[in-house]
Amino acid sequence: MEELLANEGKQLVITVDGVSYQRIPVKTKVVGEGDTIPQVATEYAKDLMIDGDILFISEKCVACTQKRAIFMKDIKPRRLARILCKFVYKSPYGIGLSIPETMEMAIRECGTFKILWAAFCSAIGKLFGKRGVFYNIAGPKARSIDGPCDCTLPPYNECVVLGPTDPDGVARDTKAAIGHDVCIIDVNDLDGVILGVSDPSMDKDLLVRILKDNPLGQSRQQTPMGIIRRIS
């Protein structure tokens, strides 16, 4: 059997509620518009999986197969986007909506009123020392938007990547292809959320806790998916 290794700086095993799980990163090619997630999962992950395994897939990987990666040069931010982005908390773990291009895409995805309301509530929240209010109100479409950074693989280091469309459907289709449960995740080194699952009975809270330290990494590991395996 192939040796199971964690990504550099990450741990292979985590213990949650007294149960230990392996989080096995799966290396793939650079996934793009010409691919489908069921096809990529079948090619790179299926033969590595055993009964009881769950495949977890980065939301960015899914979005890139759905033409949801937009080149920065093709985005023309409106004045409102240029103003609002100046008030966004700049996390060390990603650009988020802190540049005009990502804020512009958030406005297009969520609507002007919702983004303005989220910005207003965020300003009030900051007066009371609360962070995360903006994304809680703007919702998963805003939270899932990723901007380019130096560590992103080309050509996506020049793109804004939106959240995936129909993540539950993608998870179900991928399960049908590989015969194992699947979840679509948006996890960074700060927090995480499960965007889609192949079966509604899957415990999203447990999955977040298993993946909370982002075992796939955020850099050039080229591991957009991984396998959760419970250790007996």
C-alpha atoms as a PDB file:
ATOM      1  CA  MET A   1       0.000   0.000   0.000  1.00  0.00           C
ATOM      2  CA  GLU A   2       1.223   3.524  -0.792  1.00  0.00           C
ATOM      3  CA  GLU A   3       2.650   5.363   2.216  1.00  0.00           C
ATOM      4  CA  LEU A   4       0.217   7.904   3.648  1.00  0.00           C
ATOM      5  CA  LEU A   5       1.801  11.315   4.128  1.00  0.00           C
ATOM      6  CA  ALA A   6       0.544  14.689   5.322  1.00  0.00           C
ATOM      7  CA  ASN A   7       1.233  17.910   3.472  1.00  0.00           C
ATOM      8  CA  GLU A   8       4.254  19.839   4.744  1.00  0.00           C
ATOM      9  CA  GLY A   9       3.408  21.649   7.971  1.00  0.00           C
ATOM     10  CA  LYS A  10       0.188  19.654   8.421  1.00  0.00           C
ATOM     11  CA  GLN A  11      -0.750  16.650  10.547  1.00  0.00           C
ATOM     12  CA  LEU A  12      -2.010  13.408   9.037  1.00  0.00           C
ATOM     13  CA  VAL A  13      -4.056  12.430  12.106  1.00  0.00           C
ATOM     14  CA  ILE A  14      -6.508  14.398  14.243  1.00  0.00           C
ATOM     15  CA  THR A  15      -8.552  13.215  17.220  1.00  0.00           C
ATOM     16  CA  VAL A  16     -12.134  14.459  17.614  1.00  0.00           C
ATOM     17  CA  ASP A  17     -14.394  13.348  20.469  1.00  0.00           C
ATOM     18  CA  GLY A  18     -11.960  10.567  21.311  1.00  0.00           C
ATOM     19  CA  VAL A  19     -11.890   9.169  17.747  1.00  0.00           C
ATOM     20  CA  SER A  20      -8.834   9.458  15.495  1.00  0.00           C
ATOM     21  CA  TYR A  21      -9.045  10.214  11.781  1.00  0.00           C
ATOM     22  CA  GLN A  22      -6.484  10.340   8.997  1.00  0.00           C
ATOM     23  CA  ARG A  23      -6.783  13.226   6.525  1.00  0.00           C
ATOM     24  CA  ILE A  24      -4.948  11.942   3.460  1.00  0.00           C
ATOM     25  CA  PRO A  25      -4.150  14.598   0.819  1.00  0.00           C
ATOM     26  CA  VAL A  26      -4.643  13.518  -2.798  1.00  0.00           C
ATOM     27  CA  LYS A  27      -2.361  15.067  -5.395  1.00  0.00           C
ATOM     28  CA  THR A  28      -3.914  15.832  -8.789  1.00  0.00           C
ATOM     29  CA  LYS A  29      -3.134  17.723 -11.947  1.00  0.00           C
ATOM     30  CA  VAL A  30      -4.107  21.392 -12.140  1.00  0.00           C
ATOM     31  CA  VAL A  31      -7.895  21.136 -12.438  1.00  0.00           C
ATOM     32  CA  GLY A  32      -9.725  23.497 -14.766  1.00  0.00           C
ATOM     33  CA  GLU A  33     -12.669  24.175 -17.075  1.00  0.00           C
ATOM     34  CA  GLY A  34     -12.162  21.065 -19.181  1.00  0.00           C
ATOM     35  CA  ASP A  35     -12.567  18.758 -16.193  1.00  0.00           C
ATOM     36  CA  THR A  36     -15.441  17.476 -14.085  1.00  0.00           C
ATOM     37  CA  ILE A  37     -15.145  16.673 -10.394  1.00  0.00           C
ATOM     38  CA  PRO A  38     -16.499  13.105 -10.753  1.00  0.00           C
ATOM     39  CA  GLN A  39     -13.901  12.442 -13.443  1.00  0.00           C
ATOM     40  CA  VAL A  40     -11.010  13.913 -11.412  1.00  0.00           C
ATOM     41  CA  ALA A  41     -12.087  12.056  -8.268  1.00  0.00           C
ATOM     42  CA  THR A  42     -12.317   8.792 -10.204  1.00  0.00           C
ATOM     43  CA  GLU A  43      -8.884   9.256 -11.744  1.00  0.00           C
ATOM     44  CA  TYR A  44      -6.967  10.334  -8.646  1.00  0.00           C
ATOM     45  CA  ALA A  45      -8.861   9.284  -5.505  1.00  0.00           C
ATOM     46  CA  LYS A  46     -11.122   6.291  -6.122  1.00  0.00           C
ATOM     47  CA  ASP A  47      -8.414   3.623  -6.098  1.00  0.00           C
ATOM     48  CA  LEU A  48      -6.970   4.998  -2.837  1.00  0.00           C
ATOM     49  CA  MET A  49     -10.246   4.714  -0.922  1.00  0.00           C
ATOM     50  CA  ILE A  50     -11.630   1.924   1.239  1.00  0.00           C
ATOM     51  CA  ASP A  51     -15.028   1.258   2.817  1.00  0.00           C
ATOM     52  CA  GLY A  52     -16.046   4.033   5.218  1.00  0.00           C
ATOM     53  CA  ASP A  53     -13.808   6.689   3.667  1.00  0.00           C
ATOM     54  CA  ILE A  54     -15.117  10.171   2.848  1.00  0.00           C
ATOM     55  CA  LEU A  55     -13.678  12.254   0.024  1.00  0.00           C
ATOM     56  CA  PHE A  56     -13.390  15.980   0.799  1.00  0.00           C
ATOM     57  CA  ILE A  57     -12.850  18.459  -2.023  1.00  0.00           C
ATOM     58  CA  SER A  58     -11.807  22.119  -1.975  1.00  0.00           C
ATOM     59  CA  GLU A  59     -14.555  24.475  -3.075  1.00  0.00           C
ATOM     60  CA  LYS A  60     -12.021  26.291  -5.286  1.00  0.00           C
ATOM     61  CA  CYS A  61     -11.318  23.076  -7.181  1.00  0.00           C
ATOM     62  CA  VAL A  62     -15.040  22.625  -7.838  1.00  0.00           C
ATOM     63  CA  ALA A  63     -15.502  26.252  -8.883  1.00  0.00           C
ATOM     64  CA  CYS A  64     -12.626  26.084 -11.362  1.00  0.00           C
ATOM     65  CA  THR A  65     -14.404  23.305 -13.270  1.00  0.00           C
ATOM     66  CA  GLN A  66     -17.546  25.489 -13.471  1.00  0.00           C
ATOM     67  CA  LYS A  67     -15.970  28.518 -15.178  1.00  0.00           C
ATOM     68  CA  ARG A  68     -16.165  30.380 -11.856  1.00  0.00           C
ATOM     69  CA  ALA A  69     -12.569  31.637 -12.073  1.00  0.00           C
ATOM     70  CA  ILE A  70     -12.505  35.164 -13.527  1.00  0.00           C
ATOM     71  CA  PHE A  71      -9.309  36.898 -14.550  1.00  0.00           C
ATOM     72  CA  MET A  72      -8.597  40.078 -12.609  1.00  0.00           C
ATOM     73  CA  LYS A  73      -8.072  42.009 -15.842  1.00  0.00           C
ATOM     74  CA  ASP A  74     -11.668  41.261 -16.858  1.00  0.00           C
ATOM     75  CA  ILE A  75     -13.223  42.693 -13.669  1.00  0.00           C
ATOM     76  CA  LYS A  76     -14.023  46.404 -13.621  1.00  0.00           C
ATOM     77  CA  PRO A  77     -14.810  47.340  -9.987  1.00  0.00           C
ATOM     78  CA  ARG A  78     -17.433  50.017  -9.399  1.00  0.00           C
ATOM     79  CA  ARG A  79     -16.773  52.921  -7.048  1.00  0.00           C
ATOM     80  CA  LEU A  80     -18.754  51.270  -4.242  1.00  0.00           C
ATOM     81  CA  ALA A  81     -16.507  48.207  -4.379  1.00  0.00           C
ATOM     82  CA  ARG A  82     -13.405  50.395  -4.161  1.00  0.00           C
ATOM     83  CA  ILE A  83     -14.787  52.113  -1.068  1.00  0.00           C
ATOM     84  CA  LEU A  84     -16.107  49.061   0.798  1.00  0.00           C
ATOM     85  CA  CYS A  85     -12.996  46.932   0.336  1.00  0.00           C
ATOM     86  CA  LYS A  86     -10.992  49.434   2.398  1.00  0.00           C
ATOM     87  CA  PHE A  87     -12.985  48.491   5.502  1.00  0.00           C
ATOM     88  CA  VAL A  88     -12.573  44.717   5.190  1.00  0.00           C
ATOM     89  CA  TYR A  89     -10.377  42.945   7.728  1.00  0.00           C
ATOM     90  CA  LYS A  90      -7.235  41.738   5.958  1.00  0.00           C
ATOM     91  CA  SER A  91      -6.707  38.182   7.173  1.00  0.00           C
ATOM     92  CA  PRO A  92      -3.222  36.646   6.989  1.00  0.00           C
ATOM     93  CA  TYR A  93      -4.874  33.554   5.461  1.00  0.00           C
ATOM     94  CA  GLY A  94      -6.284  35.077   2.301  1.00  0.00           C
ATOM     95  CA  ILE A  95      -7.330  38.225   0.464  1.00  0.00           C
ATOM     96  CA  GLY A  96     -11.062  37.746   0.965  1.00  0.00           C
ATOM     97  CA  LEU A  97     -12.967  40.872  -0.065  1.00  0.00           C
ATOM     98  CA  SER A  98     -10.171  43.294   0.790  1.00  0.00           C
ATOM     99  CA  ILE A  99      -9.431  44.289  -2.818  1.00  0.00           C
ATOM    100  CA  PRO A 100     -11.797  46.056  -5.265  1.00  0.00           C
ATOM    101  CA  GLU A 101     -12.044  43.076  -7.638  1.00  0.00           C
ATOM    102  CA  THR A 102     -13.200  40.564  -5.021  1.00  0.00           C
ATOM    103  CA  MET A 103     -15.604  43.090  -3.495  1.00  0.00           C
ATOM    104  CA  GLU A 104     -17.028  43.789  -6.936  1.00  0.00           C
ATOM    105  CA  MET A 105     -17.703  40.099  -7.447  1.00  0.00           C
ATOM    106  CA  ALA A 106     -19.342  39.896  -4.016  1.00  0.00           C
ATOM    107  CA  ILE A 107     -21.709  42.705  -5.012  1.00  0.00           C
ATOM    108  CA  ARG A 108     -22.549  40.891  -8.250  1.00  0.00           C
ATOM    109  CA  GLU A 109     -23.054  37.556  -6.470  1.00  0.00           C
ATOM    110  CA  CYS A 110     -25.003  38.774  -3.432  1.00  0.00           C
ATOM    111  CA  GLY A 111     -26.611  42.027  -4.541  1.00  0.00           C
ATOM    112  CA  THR A 112     -25.840  45.619  -3.592  1.00  0.00           C
ATOM    113  CA  PHE A 113     -28.376  45.880  -0.771  1.00  0.00           C
ATOM    114  CA  LYS A 114     -27.163  42.718   0.987  1.00  0.00           C
ATOM    115  CA  ILE A 115     -23.512  43.787   0.818  1.00  0.00           C
ATOM    116  CA  LEU A 116     -24.350  47.293   2.089  1.00  0.00           C
ATOM    117  CA  TRP A 117     -26.389  45.835   4.950  1.00  0.00           C
ATOM    118  CA  ALA A 118     -23.562  43.429   5.822  1.00  0.00           C
ATOM    119  CA  ALA A 119     -21.080  46.315   5.788  1.00  0.00           C
ATOM    120  CA  PHE A 120     -23.312  48.430   8.053  1.00  0.00           C
ATOM    121  CA  CYS A 121     -23.813  45.584  10.549  1.00  0.00           C
ATOM    122  CA  SER A 122     -20.100  44.832  10.444  1.00  0.00           C
ATOM    123  CA  ALA A 123     -19.306  48.437  11.375  1.00  0.00           C
ATOM    124  CA  ILE A 124     -21.680  48.200  14.347  1.00  0.00           C
ATOM    125  CA  GLY A 125     -20.176  44.869  15.340  1.00  0.00           C
ATOM    126  CA  LYS A 126     -16.675  46.301  15.366  1.00  0.00           C
ATOM    127  CA  LEU A 127     -17.802  48.897  17.920  1.00  0.00           C
ATOM    128  CA  PHE A 128     -18.508  45.964  20.245  1.00  0.00           C
ATOM    129  CA  GLY A 129     -15.366  44.041  19.340  1.00  0.00           C
ATOM    130  CA  LYS A 130     -17.122  41.464  17.157  1.00  0.00           C
ATOM    131  CA  ARG A 131     -15.491  40.096  14.009  1.00  0.00           C
ATOM    132  CA  GLY A 132     -17.043  38.017  11.242  1.00  0.00           C
ATOM    133  CA  VAL A 133     -20.357  39.910  11.191  1.00  0.00           C
ATOM    134  CA  PHE A 134     -19.959  40.878   7.538  1.00  0.00           C
ATOM    135  CA  TYR A 135     -19.577  37.299   6.278  1.00  0.00           C
ATOM    136  CA  ASN A 136     -22.293  35.973   8.584  1.00  0.00           C
ATOM    137  CA  ILE A 137     -24.779  38.339   6.927  1.00  0.00           C
ATOM    138  CA  ALA A 138     -23.408  38.340   3.377  1.00  0.00           C
ATOM    139  CA  GLY A 139     -23.478  34.537   3.453  1.00  0.00           C
ATOM    140  CA  PRO A 140     -21.540  31.681   1.845  1.00  0.00           C
ATOM    141  CA  LYS A 141     -21.411  33.254  -1.627  1.00  0.00           C
ATOM    142  CA  ALA A 142     -19.354  36.141  -0.245  1.00  0.00           C
ATOM    143  CA  ARG A 143     -17.327  33.977   2.123  1.00  0.00           C
ATOM    144  CA  SER A 144     -16.301  31.612  -0.674  1.00  0.00           C
ATOM    145  CA  ILE A 145     -14.791  34.274  -2.942  1.00  0.00           C
ATOM    146  CA  ASP A 146     -11.019  33.924  -3.189  1.00  0.00           C
ATOM    147  CA  GLY A 147      -8.621  36.483  -4.585  1.00  0.00           C
ATOM    148  CA  PRO A 148      -5.241  35.787  -6.180  1.00  0.00           C
ATOM    149  CA  CYS A 149      -2.098  35.421  -4.112  1.00  0.00           C
ATOM    150  CA  ASP A 150       1.529  34.542  -4.764  1.00  0.00           C
ATOM    151  CA  CYS A 151       1.167  30.963  -3.525  1.00  0.00           C
ATOM    152  CA  THR A 152      -1.746  30.130  -5.871  1.00  0.00           C
ATOM    153  CA  LEU A 153      -1.034  27.869  -8.819  1.00  0.00           C
ATOM    154  CA  PRO A 154      -1.096  29.465 -12.288  1.00  0.00           C
ATOM    155  CA  PRO A 155      -3.320  30.472 -13.982  1.00  0.00           C
ATOM    156  CA  TYR A 156      -5.431  31.027 -10.850  1.00  0.00           C
ATOM    157  CA  ASN A 157      -2.833  33.389  -9.369  1.00  0.00           C
ATOM    158  CA  GLU A 158      -4.368  35.959 -11.743  1.00  0.00           C
ATOM    159  CA  CYS A 159      -8.011  35.153 -10.993  1.00  0.00           C
ATOM    160  CA  VAL A 160     -10.839  35.809  -8.580  1.00  0.00           C
ATOM    161  CA  VAL A 161     -12.502  32.453  -7.878  1.00  0.00           C
ATOM    162  CA  LEU A 162     -16.165  32.457  -6.880  1.00  0.00           C
ATOM    163  CA  GLY A 163     -17.901  29.873  -4.756  1.00  0.00           C
ATOM    164  CA  PRO A 164     -19.083  26.718  -6.531  1.00  0.00           C
ATOM    165  CA  THR A 165     -22.550  26.275  -7.998  1.00  0.00           C
ATOM    166  CA  ASP A 166     -24.733  23.476  -6.536  1.00  0.00           C
ATOM    167  CA  PRO A 167     -22.102  21.907  -4.255  1.00  0.00           C
ATOM    168  CA  ASP A 168     -24.619  19.324  -2.982  1.00  0.00           C
ATOM    169  CA  GLY A 169     -25.267  18.211  -6.553  1.00  0.00           C
ATOM    170  CA  VAL A 170     -21.542  17.968  -7.291  1.00  0.00           C
ATOM    171  CA  ALA A 171     -21.041  15.894  -4.146  1.00  0.00           C
ATOM    172  CA  ARG A 172     -23.890  13.533  -5.102  1.00  0.00           C
ATOM    173  CA  ASP A 173     -22.612  13.102  -8.666  1.00  0.00           C
ATOM    174  CA  THR A 174     -19.107  12.409  -7.400  1.00  0.00           C
ATOM    175  CA  LYS A 175     -20.374   9.799  -4.935  1.00  0.00           C
ATOM    176  CA  ALA A 176     -22.203   8.089  -7.786  1.00  0.00           C
ATOM    177  CA  ALA A 177     -18.900   7.928  -9.678  1.00  0.00           C
ATOM    178  CA  ILE A 178     -16.612   6.705  -6.883  1.00  0.00           C
ATOM    179  CA  GLY A 179     -18.963   4.857  -4.520  1.00  0.00           C
ATOM    180  CA  HIS A 180     -17.974   6.818  -1.405  1.00  0.00           C
ATOM    181  CA  ASP A 181     -19.481   9.771   0.449  1.00  0.00           C
ATOM    182  CA  VAL A 182     -18.234  13.202  -0.572  1.00  0.00           C
ATOM    183  CA  CYS A 183     -18.201  16.681   0.933  1.00  0.00           C
ATOM    184  CA  ILE A 184     -17.290  20.038  -0.614  1.00  0.00           C
ATOM    185  CA  ILE A 185     -15.399  22.232   1.857  1.00  0.00           C
ATOM    186  CA  ASP A 186     -14.377  25.849   2.285  1.00  0.00           C
ATOM    187  CA  VAL A 187     -11.632  25.599   4.889  1.00  0.00           C
ATOM    188  CA  ASN A 188      -8.644  27.849   5.496  1.00  0.00           C
ATOM    189  CA  ASP A 189      -6.217  28.157   8.399  1.00  0.00           C
ATOM    190  CA  LEU A 190      -8.755  30.336  10.238  1.00  0.00           C
ATOM    191  CA  ASP A 191     -12.117  28.576   9.998  1.00  0.00           C
ATOM    192  CA  GLY A 192     -14.226  26.371   7.773  1.00  0.00           C
ATOM    193  CA  VAL A 193     -17.656  25.476   6.459  1.00  0.00           C
ATOM    194  CA  ILE A 194     -19.106  22.490   4.627  1.00  0.00           C
ATOM    195  CA  LEU A 195     -20.758  23.750   1.426  1.00  0.00           C
ATOM    196  CA  GLY A 196     -22.066  20.474   0.068  1.00  0.00           C
ATOM    197  CA  VAL A 197     -22.539  16.822   1.032  1.00  0.00           C
ATOM    198  CA  SER A 198     -23.475  13.725  -0.932  1.00  0.00           C
ATOM    199  CA  ASP A 199     -25.931  12.606   1.779  1.00  0.00           C
ATOM    200  CA  PRO A 200     -27.938  14.999   3.990  1.00  0.00           C
ATOM    201  CA  SER A 201     -27.385  12.703   6.970  1.00  0.00           C
ATOM    202  CA  MET A 202     -23.641  13.491   6.986  1.00  0.00           C
ATOM    203  CA  ASP A 203     -22.579  15.345  10.162  1.00  0.00           C
ATOM    204  CA  LYS A 204     -21.321  18.722   8.892  1.00  0.00           C
ATOM    205  CA  ASP A 205     -20.240  19.891  12.330  1.00  0.00           C
ATOM    206  CA  LEU A 206     -18.097  16.788  12.802  1.00  0.00           C
ATOM    207  CA  LEU A 207     -16.579  17.181   9.339  1.00  0.00           C
ATOM    208  CA  VAL A 208     -15.612  20.795  10.079  1.00  0.00           C
ATOM    209  CA  ARG A 209     -13.911  19.732  13.306  1.00  0.00           C
ATOM    210  CA  ILE A 210     -12.034  16.944  11.513  1.00  0.00           C
ATOM    211  CA  LEU A 211     -10.799  19.388   8.859  1.00  0.00           C
ATOM    212  CA  LYS A 212     -10.485  22.559  10.957  1.00  0.00           C
ATOM    213  CA  ASP A 213      -6.680  22.797  10.590  1.00  0.00           C
ATOM    214  CA  ASN A 214      -6.916  22.775   6.791  1.00  0.00           C
ATOM    215  CA  PRO A 215      -4.975  19.592   5.959  1.00  0.00           C
ATOM    216  CA  LEU A 216      -5.011  20.415   2.242  1.00  0.00           C
ATOM    217  CA  GLY A 217      -3.016  23.601   2.800  1.00  0.00           C
ATOM    218  CA  GLN A 218      -3.350  26.894   0.945  1.00  0.00           C
ATOM    219  CA  SER A 219      -0.229  26.863  -1.167  1.00  0.00           C
ATOM    220  CA  ARG A 220       1.376  24.885  -4.012  1.00  0.00           C
ATOM    221  CA  GLN A 221       0.741  21.406  -2.610  1.00  0.00           C
ATOM    222  CA  GLN A 222      -1.560  20.700  -5.591  1.00  0.00           C
ATOM    223  CA  THR A 223      -3.823  18.600  -3.354  1.00  0.00           C
ATOM    224  CA  PRO A 224      -7.346  19.964  -3.960  1.00  0.00           C
ATOM    225  CA  MET A 225      -8.963  16.886  -2.429  1.00  0.00           C
ATOM    226  CA  GLY A 226      -8.325  14.455   0.375  1.00  0.00           C
ATOM    227  CA  ILE A 227      -9.632  11.368   2.126  1.00  0.00           C
ATOM    228  CA  ILE A 228     -11.031  11.175   5.657  1.00  0.00           C
ATOM    229  CA  ARG A 229     -10.393   7.732   7.137  1.00  0.00           C
ATOM    230  CA  ARG A 230     -11.452   6.721  10.630  1.00  0.00           C
ATOM    231  CA  ILE A 231      -8.713   4.862  12.482  1.00  0.00           C
ATOM    232  CA  SER A 232      -9.997   1.697  14.166  1.00  0.00           C
END
